[in-house]
């Protein structure tokens, strides 16, 4: 595992480590939207969707490698997770 995001998806029998060189596709304003859910939404690139298990809880963890000054001086912070219907 050298690039991308890492996710553990627990399936019926076992946990699967999804180490991905997932390539996120940014939106037109430069931000990145990531969707979490059991099925990939229509029109959403694979890299912007992380599969979850229906009826099971999940949590998100943001890991930053070599954060820049805005992280340390707190002028940047990660956005909130918003429900999309």
PDB file of N, CA and C in Angstrom:
ATOM      1  N   UNK A   1       0.837  -1.170   0.000  1.00  0.00           N
ATOM      2  CA  UNK A   1       0.000   0.000   0.000  1.00  0.00           C
ATOM      3  C   UNK A   1       0.882   1.233   0.000  1.00  0.00           C
ATOM      4  N   UNK A   2       0.886   1.917  -1.087  1.00  0.00           N
ATOM      5  CA  UNK A   2       1.744   3.078  -1.161  1.00  0.00           C
ATOM      6  C   UNK A   2       0.998   4.337  -1.550  1.00  0.00           C
ATOM      7  N   UNK A   3      -0.124   4.226  -2.202  1.00  0.00           N
ATOM      8  CA  UNK A   3      -0.835   5.402  -2.664  1.00  0.00           C
ATOM      9  C   UNK A   3      -2.309   5.318  -2.335  1.00  0.00           C
ATOM     10  N   UNK A   4      -2.966   6.442  -2.308  1.00  0.00           N
ATOM     11  CA  UNK A   4      -4.420   6.462  -2.256  1.00  0.00           C
ATOM     12  C   UNK A   4      -4.989   6.348  -0.865  1.00  0.00           C
ATOM     13  N   UNK A   5      -6.194   5.880  -0.808  1.00  0.00           N
ATOM     14  CA  UNK A   5      -6.932   5.769   0.434  1.00  0.00           C
ATOM     15  C   UNK A   5      -7.000   4.318   0.840  1.00  0.00           C
ATOM     16  N   UNK A   6      -7.132   4.080   2.109  1.00  0.00           N
ATOM     17  CA  UNK A   6      -7.258   2.716   2.602  1.00  0.00           C
ATOM     18  C   UNK A   6      -8.583   2.603   3.336  1.00  0.00           C
ATOM     19  N   UNK A   7      -9.301   1.544   3.060  1.00  0.00           N
ATOM     20  CA  UNK A   7     -10.592   1.331   3.675  1.00  0.00           C
ATOM     21  C   UNK A   7     -10.716  -0.139   4.014  1.00  0.00           C
ATOM     22  N   UNK A   8     -11.325  -0.445   5.149  1.00  0.00           N
ATOM     23  CA  UNK A   8     -11.638  -1.837   5.463  1.00  0.00           C
ATOM     24  C   UNK A   8     -13.140  -1.990   5.308  1.00  0.00           C
ATOM     25  N   UNK A   9     -13.549  -2.889   4.443  1.00  0.00           N
ATOM     26  CA  UNK A   9     -14.957  -3.162   4.228  1.00  0.00           C
ATOM     27  C   UNK A   9     -15.216  -4.559   4.782  1.00  0.00           C
ATOM     28  N   UNK A  10     -16.091  -4.644   5.783  1.00  0.00           N
ATOM     29  CA  UNK A  10     -16.410  -5.945   6.359  1.00  0.00           C
ATOM     30  C   UNK A  10     -17.566  -6.553   5.573  1.00  0.00           C
ATOM     31  N   UNK A  11     -17.318  -7.701   4.994  1.00  0.00           N
ATOM     32  CA  UNK A  11     -18.350  -8.395   4.230  1.00  0.00           C
ATOM     33  C   UNK A  11     -18.970  -9.464   5.117  1.00  0.00           C
ATOM     34  N   UNK A  12     -19.818 -10.301   4.543  1.00  0.00           N
ATOM     35  CA  UNK A  12     -20.512 -11.315   5.330  1.00  0.00           C
ATOM     36  C   UNK A  12     -19.561 -12.228   6.090  1.00  0.00           C
ATOM     37  N   UNK A  13     -18.479 -12.633   5.492  1.00  0.00           N
ATOM     38  CA  UNK A  13     -17.597 -13.616   6.110  1.00  0.00           C
ATOM     39  C   UNK A  13     -16.278 -13.053   6.606  1.00  0.00           C
ATOM     40  N   UNK A  14     -15.818 -11.972   6.040  1.00  0.00           N
ATOM     41  CA  UNK A  14     -14.479 -11.519   6.369  1.00  0.00           C
ATOM     42  C   UNK A  14     -14.347 -10.016   6.119  1.00  0.00           C
ATOM     43  N   UNK A  15     -13.235  -9.500   6.558  1.00  0.00           N
ATOM     44  CA  UNK A  15     -12.936  -8.104   6.278  1.00  0.00           C
ATOM     45  C   UNK A  15     -12.041  -8.033   5.058  1.00  0.00           C
ATOM     46  N   UNK A  16     -12.291  -7.074   4.239  1.00  0.00           N
ATOM     47  CA  UNK A  16     -11.469  -6.890   3.049  1.00  0.00           C
ATOM     48  C   UNK A  16     -10.810  -5.521   3.173  1.00  0.00           C
ATOM     49  N   UNK A  17      -9.522  -5.502   3.034  1.00  0.00           N
ATOM     50  CA  UNK A  17      -8.798  -4.244   3.036  1.00  0.00           C
ATOM     51  C   UNK A  17      -8.783  -3.735   1.608  1.00  0.00           C
ATOM     52  N   UNK A  18      -9.391  -2.600   1.435  1.00  0.00           N
ATOM     53  CA  UNK A  18      -9.396  -1.985   0.122  1.00  0.00           C
ATOM     54  C   UNK A  18      -8.334  -0.906   0.162  1.00  0.00           C
ATOM     55  N   UNK A  19      -7.185  -1.234  -0.359  1.00  0.00           N
ATOM     56  CA  UNK A  19      -6.097  -0.265  -0.417  1.00  0.00           C
ATOM     57  C   UNK A  19      -6.119   0.222  -1.832  1.00  0.00           C
ATOM     58  N   UNK A  20      -6.388   1.432  -1.976  1.00  0.00           N
ATOM     59  CA  UNK A  20      -6.665   1.796  -3.323  1.00  0.00           C
ATOM     60  C   UNK A  20      -5.868   2.961  -3.771  1.00  0.00           C
ATOM     61  N   UNK A  21      -5.507   2.863  -4.918  1.00  0.00           N
ATOM     62  CA  UNK A  21      -5.042   4.035  -5.603  1.00  0.00           C
ATOM     63  C   UNK A  21      -6.325   4.578  -6.205  1.00  0.00           C
ATOM     64  N   UNK A  22      -7.318   4.811  -5.337  1.00  0.00           N
ATOM     65  CA  UNK A  22      -8.568   5.387  -5.821  1.00  0.00           C
ATOM     66  C   UNK A  22      -8.247   6.772  -6.326  1.00  0.00           C
ATOM     67  N   UNK A  23      -8.714   7.059  -7.492  1.00  0.00           N
ATOM     68  CA  UNK A  23      -8.463   8.366  -8.068  1.00  0.00           C
ATOM     69  C   UNK A  23      -9.732   9.181  -7.902  1.00  0.00           C
ATOM     70  N   UNK A  24      -9.695  10.121  -6.980  1.00  0.00           N
ATOM     71  CA  UNK A  24     -10.846  10.980  -6.747  1.00  0.00           C
ATOM     72  C   UNK A  24     -10.991  11.958  -7.897  1.00  0.00           C
ATOM     73  N   UNK A  25     -12.212  12.184  -8.312  1.00  0.00           N
ATOM     74  CA  UNK A  25     -12.490  13.167  -9.352  1.00  0.00           C
ATOM     75  C   UNK A  25     -13.031  14.412  -8.665  1.00  0.00           C
ATOM     76  N   UNK A  26     -12.306  15.523  -8.736  1.00  0.00           N
ATOM     77  CA  UNK A  26     -12.784  16.738  -8.073  1.00  0.00           C
ATOM     78  C   UNK A  26     -13.973  17.357  -8.811  1.00  0.00           C
ATOM     79  N   UNK A  27     -14.759  18.153  -8.077  1.00  0.00           N
ATOM     80  CA  UNK A  27     -15.867  18.874  -8.682  1.00  0.00           C
ATOM     81  C   UNK A  27     -15.325  20.130  -9.363  1.00  0.00           C
ATOM     82  N   UNK A  28     -16.186  20.856 -10.021  1.00  0.00           N
ATOM     83  CA  UNK A  28     -15.739  22.034 -10.766  1.00  0.00           C
ATOM     84  C   UNK A  28     -15.149  23.117  -9.876  1.00  0.00           C
ATOM     85  N   UNK A  29     -15.532  23.150  -8.584  1.00  0.00           N
ATOM     86  CA  UNK A  29     -14.969  24.173  -7.685  1.00  0.00           C
ATOM     87  C   UNK A  29     -13.668  23.709  -7.029  1.00  0.00           C
ATOM     88  N   UNK A  30     -13.196  22.514  -7.406  1.00  0.00           N
ATOM     89  CA  UNK A  30     -11.934  22.012  -6.872  1.00  0.00           C
ATOM     90  C   UNK A  30     -12.082  21.146  -5.635  1.00  0.00           C
ATOM     91  N   UNK A  31     -13.280  21.084  -5.050  1.00  0.00           N
ATOM     92  CA  UNK A  31     -13.493  20.224  -3.890  1.00  0.00           C
ATOM     93  C   UNK A  31     -13.691  18.787  -4.359  1.00  0.00           C
ATOM     94  N   UNK A  32     -13.664  17.863  -3.419  1.00  0.00           N
ATOM     95  CA  UNK A  32     -13.869  16.452  -3.743  1.00  0.00           C
ATOM     96  C   UNK A  32     -15.015  15.925  -2.906  1.00  0.00           C
ATOM     97  N   UNK A  33     -15.962  15.274  -3.551  1.00  0.00           N
ATOM     98  CA  UNK A  33     -17.092  14.657  -2.857  1.00  0.00           C
ATOM     99  C   UNK A  33     -16.903  13.154  -2.906  1.00  0.00           C
ATOM    100  N   UNK A  34     -16.987  12.516  -1.731  1.00  0.00           N
ATOM    101  CA  UNK A  34     -16.866  11.064  -1.625  1.00  0.00           C
ATOM    102  C   UNK A  34     -18.196  10.538  -1.103  1.00  0.00           C
ATOM    103  N   UNK A  35     -18.735   9.546  -1.768  1.00  0.00           N
ATOM    104  CA  UNK A  35     -20.016   8.943  -1.394  1.00  0.00           C
ATOM    105  C   UNK A  35     -19.759   7.630  -0.676  1.00  0.00           C
ATOM    106  N   UNK A  36     -20.504   7.392   0.412  1.00  0.00           N
ATOM    107  CA  UNK A  36     -20.449   6.148   1.172  1.00  0.00           C
ATOM    108  C   UNK A  36     -21.813   5.493   1.048  1.00  0.00           C
ATOM    109  N   UNK A  37     -21.854   4.212   0.720  1.00  0.00           N
ATOM    110  CA  UNK A  37     -23.128   3.514   0.627  1.00  0.00           C
ATOM    111  C   UNK A  37     -22.928   2.122   0.084  1.00  0.00           C
ATOM    112  N   UNK A  38     -23.965   1.271   0.193  1.00  0.00           N
ATOM    113  CA  UNK A  38     -23.844  -0.112  -0.248  1.00  0.00           C
ATOM    114  C   UNK A  38     -23.761  -0.266  -1.769  1.00  0.00           C
ATOM    115  N   UNK A  39     -24.317   0.677  -2.507  1.00  0.00           N
ATOM    116  CA  UNK A  39     -24.258   0.596  -3.965  1.00  0.00           C
ATOM    117  C   UNK A  39     -23.722   1.904  -4.529  1.00  0.00           C
ATOM    118  N   UNK A  40     -23.028   1.793  -5.633  1.00  0.00           N
ATOM    119  CA  UNK A  40     -22.433   2.964  -6.269  1.00  0.00           C
ATOM    120  C   UNK A  40     -23.532   3.810  -6.904  1.00  0.00           C
ATOM    121  N   UNK A  41     -23.601   5.094  -6.549  1.00  0.00           N
ATOM    122  CA  UNK A  41     -24.634   5.954  -7.142  1.00  0.00           C
ATOM    123  C   UNK A  41     -24.421   6.120  -8.653  1.00  0.00           C
ATOM    124  N   UNK A  42     -25.506   6.240  -9.380  1.00  0.00           N
ATOM    125  CA  UNK A  42     -25.434   6.460 -10.825  1.00  0.00           C
ATOM    126  C   UNK A  42     -24.694   7.759 -11.111  1.00  0.00           C
ATOM    127  N   UNK A  43     -23.803   7.711 -12.079  1.00  0.00           N
ATOM    128  CA  UNK A  43     -23.096   8.904 -12.503  1.00  0.00           C
ATOM    129  C   UNK A  43     -21.923   9.306 -11.628  1.00  0.00           C
ATOM    130  N   UNK A  44     -21.614   8.510 -10.611  1.00  0.00           N
ATOM    131  CA  UNK A  44     -20.498   8.812  -9.699  1.00  0.00           C
ATOM    132  C   UNK A  44     -19.328   7.909 -10.054  1.00  0.00           C
ATOM    133  N   UNK A  45     -18.157   8.506 -10.255  1.00  0.00           N
ATOM    134  CA  UNK A  45     -16.957   7.729 -10.572  1.00  0.00           C
ATOM    135  C   UNK A  45     -16.621   6.773  -9.440  1.00  0.00           C
ATOM    136  N   UNK A  46     -16.030   5.630  -9.766  1.00  0.00           N
ATOM    137  CA  UNK A  46     -15.669   4.611  -8.765  1.00  0.00           C
ATOM    138  C   UNK A  46     -14.774   5.191  -7.669  1.00  0.00           C
ATOM    139  N   UNK A  47     -13.873   6.069  -8.030  1.00  0.00           N
ATOM    140  CA  UNK A  47     -12.958   6.631  -7.051  1.00  0.00           C
ATOM    141  C   UNK A  47     -13.616   7.540  -6.036  1.00  0.00           C
ATOM    142  N   UNK A  48     -14.840   7.984  -6.305  1.00  0.00           N
ATOM    143  CA  UNK A  48     -15.548   8.873  -5.389  1.00  0.00           C
ATOM    144  C   UNK A  48     -16.607   8.128  -4.579  1.00  0.00           C
ATOM    145  N   UNK A  49     -16.550   6.816  -4.562  1.00  0.00           N
ATOM    146  CA  UNK A  49     -17.522   6.011  -3.813  1.00  0.00           C
ATOM    147  C   UNK A  49     -16.791   4.954  -3.007  1.00  0.00           C
ATOM    148  N   UNK A  50     -17.152   4.842  -1.734  1.00  0.00           N
ATOM    149  CA  UNK A  50     -16.615   3.795  -0.859  1.00  0.00           C
ATOM    150  C   UNK A  50     -17.788   2.952  -0.388  1.00  0.00           C
ATOM    151  N   UNK A  51     -17.703   1.656  -0.644  1.00  0.00           N
ATOM    152  CA  UNK A  51     -18.802   0.734  -0.334  1.00  0.00           C
ATOM    153  C   UNK A  51     -18.925   0.501   1.163  1.00  0.00           C
ATOM    154  N   UNK A  52     -20.164   0.475   1.649  1.00  0.00           N
ATOM    155  CA  UNK A  52     -20.469   0.118   3.034  1.00  0.00           C
ATOM    156  C   UNK A  52     -21.352  -1.124   3.019  1.00  0.00           C
ATOM    157  N   UNK A  53     -21.580  -1.701   4.182  1.00  0.00           N
ATOM    158  CA  UNK A  53     -22.419  -2.895   4.298  1.00  0.00           C
ATOM    159  C   UNK A  53     -23.803  -2.459   4.774  1.00  0.00           C
ATOM    160  N   UNK A  54     -24.869  -2.832   4.052  1.00  0.00           N
ATOM    161  CA  UNK A  54     -26.217  -2.416   4.441  1.00  0.00           C
ATOM    162  C   UNK A  54     -26.541  -2.807   5.877  1.00  0.00           C
ATOM    163  N   UNK A  55     -27.136  -1.893   6.619  1.00  0.00           N
ATOM    164  CA  UNK A  55     -27.562  -2.165   7.987  1.00  0.00           C
ATOM    165  C   UNK A  55     -26.451  -2.149   9.015  1.00  0.00           C
ATOM    166  N   UNK A  56     -25.232  -1.894   8.610  1.00  0.00           N
ATOM    167  CA  UNK A  56     -24.098  -1.863   9.538  1.00  0.00           C
ATOM    168  C   UNK A  56     -23.600  -0.431   9.681  1.00  0.00           C
ATOM    169  N   UNK A  57     -23.084  -0.102  10.827  1.00  0.00           N
ATOM    170  CA  UNK A  57     -22.509   1.211  11.040  1.00  0.00           C
ATOM    171  C   UNK A  57     -21.151   1.329  10.363  1.00  0.00           C
ATOM    172  N   UNK A  58     -20.677   2.543  10.236  1.00  0.00           N
ATOM    173  CA  UNK A  58     -19.362   2.787   9.650  1.00  0.00           C
ATOM    174  C   UNK A  58     -18.823   4.080  10.237  1.00  0.00           C
ATOM    175  N   UNK A  59     -17.554   4.270  10.088  1.00  0.00           N
ATOM    176  CA  UNK A  59     -16.957   5.527  10.531  1.00  0.00           C
ATOM    177  C   UNK A  59     -15.939   5.961   9.497  1.00  0.00           C
ATOM    178  N   UNK A  60     -15.684   7.241   9.471  1.00  0.00           N
ATOM    179  CA  UNK A  60     -14.722   7.782   8.510  1.00  0.00           C
ATOM    180  C   UNK A  60     -13.498   8.281   9.268  1.00  0.00           C
ATOM    181  N   UNK A  61     -12.344   8.069   8.681  1.00  0.00           N
ATOM    182  CA  UNK A  61     -11.088   8.519   9.258  1.00  0.00           C
ATOM    183  C   UNK A  61     -10.322   9.248   8.168  1.00  0.00           C
ATOM    184  N   UNK A  62      -9.909  10.457   8.455  1.00  0.00           N
ATOM    185  CA  UNK A  62      -9.121  11.228   7.499  1.00  0.00           C
ATOM    186  C   UNK A  62      -7.680  11.199   7.958  1.00  0.00           C
ATOM    187  N   UNK A  63      -6.833  10.676   7.119  1.00  0.00           N
ATOM    188  CA  UNK A  63      -5.408  10.606   7.427  1.00  0.00           C
ATOM    189  C   UNK A  63      -4.687  11.535   6.463  1.00  0.00           C
ATOM    190  N   UNK A  64      -3.931  12.456   7.011  1.00  0.00           N
ATOM    191  CA  UNK A  64      -3.192  13.404   6.187  1.00  0.00           C
ATOM    192  C   UNK A  64      -1.710  13.090   6.249  1.00  0.00           C
ATOM    193  N   UNK A  65      -1.097  13.038   5.098  1.00  0.00           N
ATOM    194  CA  UNK A  65       0.339  12.821   5.008  1.00  0.00           C
ATOM    195  C   UNK A  65       0.976  14.146   4.605  1.00  0.00           C
ATOM    196  N   UNK A  66       1.956  14.583   5.360  1.00  0.00           N
ATOM    197  CA  UNK A  66       2.666  15.839   5.077  1.00  0.00           C
ATOM    198  C   UNK A  66       1.717  17.020   4.927  1.00  0.00           C
ATOM    199  N   UNK A  67       0.895  17.269   5.956  1.00  0.00           N
ATOM    200  CA  UNK A  67      -0.028  18.399   5.849  1.00  0.00           C
ATOM    201  C   UNK A  67       0.740  19.714   5.705  1.00  0.00           C
ATOM    202  N   UNK A  68       0.097  20.661   5.063  1.00  0.00           N
ATOM    203  CA  UNK A  68       0.707  21.959   4.820  1.00  0.00           C
ATOM    204  C   UNK A  68       0.372  22.942   5.941  1.00  0.00           C
ATOM    205  N   UNK A  69       0.940  24.128   5.884  1.00  0.00           N
ATOM    206  CA  UNK A  69       0.798  25.130   6.937  1.00  0.00           C
ATOM    207  C   UNK A  69      -0.666  25.423   7.303  1.00  0.00           C
ATOM    208  N   UNK A  70      -1.593  25.531   6.338  1.00  0.00           N
ATOM    209  CA  UNK A  70      -2.982  25.819   6.712  1.00  0.00           C
ATOM    210  C   UNK A  70      -3.584  24.808   7.696  1.00  0.00           C
ATOM    211  N   UNK A  71      -3.105  23.572   7.665  1.00  0.00           N
ATOM    212  CA  UNK A  71      -3.580  22.592   8.647  1.00  0.00           C
ATOM    213  C   UNK A  71      -3.097  22.978  10.045  1.00  0.00           C
ATOM    214  N   UNK A  72      -1.846  23.338  10.155  1.00  0.00           N
ATOM    215  CA  UNK A  72      -1.263  23.633  11.459  1.00  0.00           C
ATOM    216  C   UNK A  72      -1.724  24.973  12.028  1.00  0.00           C
ATOM    217  N   UNK A  73      -1.935  25.975  11.157  1.00  0.00           N
ATOM    218  CA  UNK A  73      -2.400  27.263  11.693  1.00  0.00           C
ATOM    219  C   UNK A  73      -3.929  27.317  11.756  1.00  0.00           C
ATOM    220  N   UNK A  74      -4.570  26.198  11.434  1.00  0.00           N
ATOM    221  CA  UNK A  74      -6.017  26.004  11.538  1.00  0.00           C
ATOM    222  C   UNK A  74      -6.828  26.899  10.609  1.00  0.00           C
ATOM    223  N   UNK A  75      -6.200  27.348   9.518  1.00  0.00           N
ATOM    224  CA  UNK A  75      -6.963  28.105   8.529  1.00  0.00           C
ATOM    225  C   UNK A  75      -7.672  27.160   7.552  1.00  0.00           C
ATOM    226  N   UNK A  76      -7.373  25.855   7.611  1.00  0.00           N
ATOM    227  CA  UNK A  76      -8.055  24.831   6.827  1.00  0.00           C
ATOM    228  C   UNK A  76      -8.552  23.760   7.779  1.00  0.00           C
ATOM    229  N   UNK A  77      -9.716  23.244   7.503  1.00  0.00           N
ATOM    230  CA  UNK A  77     -10.210  22.073   8.224  1.00  0.00           C
ATOM    231  C   UNK A  77     -11.058  21.247   7.276  1.00  0.00           C
ATOM    232  N   UNK A  78     -11.113  19.985   7.565  1.00  0.00           N
ATOM    233  CA  UNK A  78     -11.907  19.077   6.728  1.00  0.00           C
ATOM    234  C   UNK A  78     -13.379  19.453   6.828  1.00  0.00           C
ATOM    235  N   UNK A  79     -14.092  19.252   5.723  1.00  0.00           N
ATOM    236  CA  UNK A  79     -15.523  19.522   5.717  1.00  0.00           C
ATOM    237  C   UNK A  79     -16.308  18.473   6.496  1.00  0.00           C
ATOM    238  N   UNK A  80     -17.529  18.785   6.769  1.00  0.00           N
ATOM    239  CA  UNK A  80     -18.409  17.850   7.466  1.00  0.00           C
ATOM    240  C   UNK A  80     -18.921  16.784   6.504  1.00  0.00           C
ATOM    241  N   UNK A  81     -19.413  15.683   7.053  1.00  0.00           N
ATOM    242  CA  UNK A  81     -20.047  14.648   6.238  1.00  0.00           C
ATOM    243  C   UNK A  81     -21.537  14.983   6.208  1.00  0.00           C
ATOM    244  N   UNK A  82     -22.072  15.174   5.016  1.00  0.00           N
ATOM    245  CA  UNK A  82     -23.468  15.525   4.832  1.00  0.00           C
ATOM    246  C   UNK A  82     -24.204  14.374   4.168  1.00  0.00           C
ATOM    247  N   UNK A  83     -25.424  14.112   4.630  1.00  0.00           N
ATOM    248  CA  UNK A  83     -26.237  13.072   4.013  1.00  0.00           C
ATOM    249  C   UNK A  83     -26.790  13.561   2.684  1.00  0.00           C
ATOM    250  N   UNK A  84     -26.666  12.710   1.672  1.00  0.00           N
ATOM    251  CA  UNK A  84     -27.186  13.020   0.350  1.00  0.00           C
ATOM    252  C   UNK A  84     -28.335  12.059   0.073  1.00  0.00           C
ATOM    253  N   UNK A  85     -29.461  12.566  -0.369  1.00  0.00           N
ATOM    254  CA  UNK A  85     -30.604  11.691  -0.660  1.00  0.00           C
ATOM    255  C   UNK A  85     -30.894  11.678  -2.122  1.00  0.00           C
TER     256      UNK A  85
END
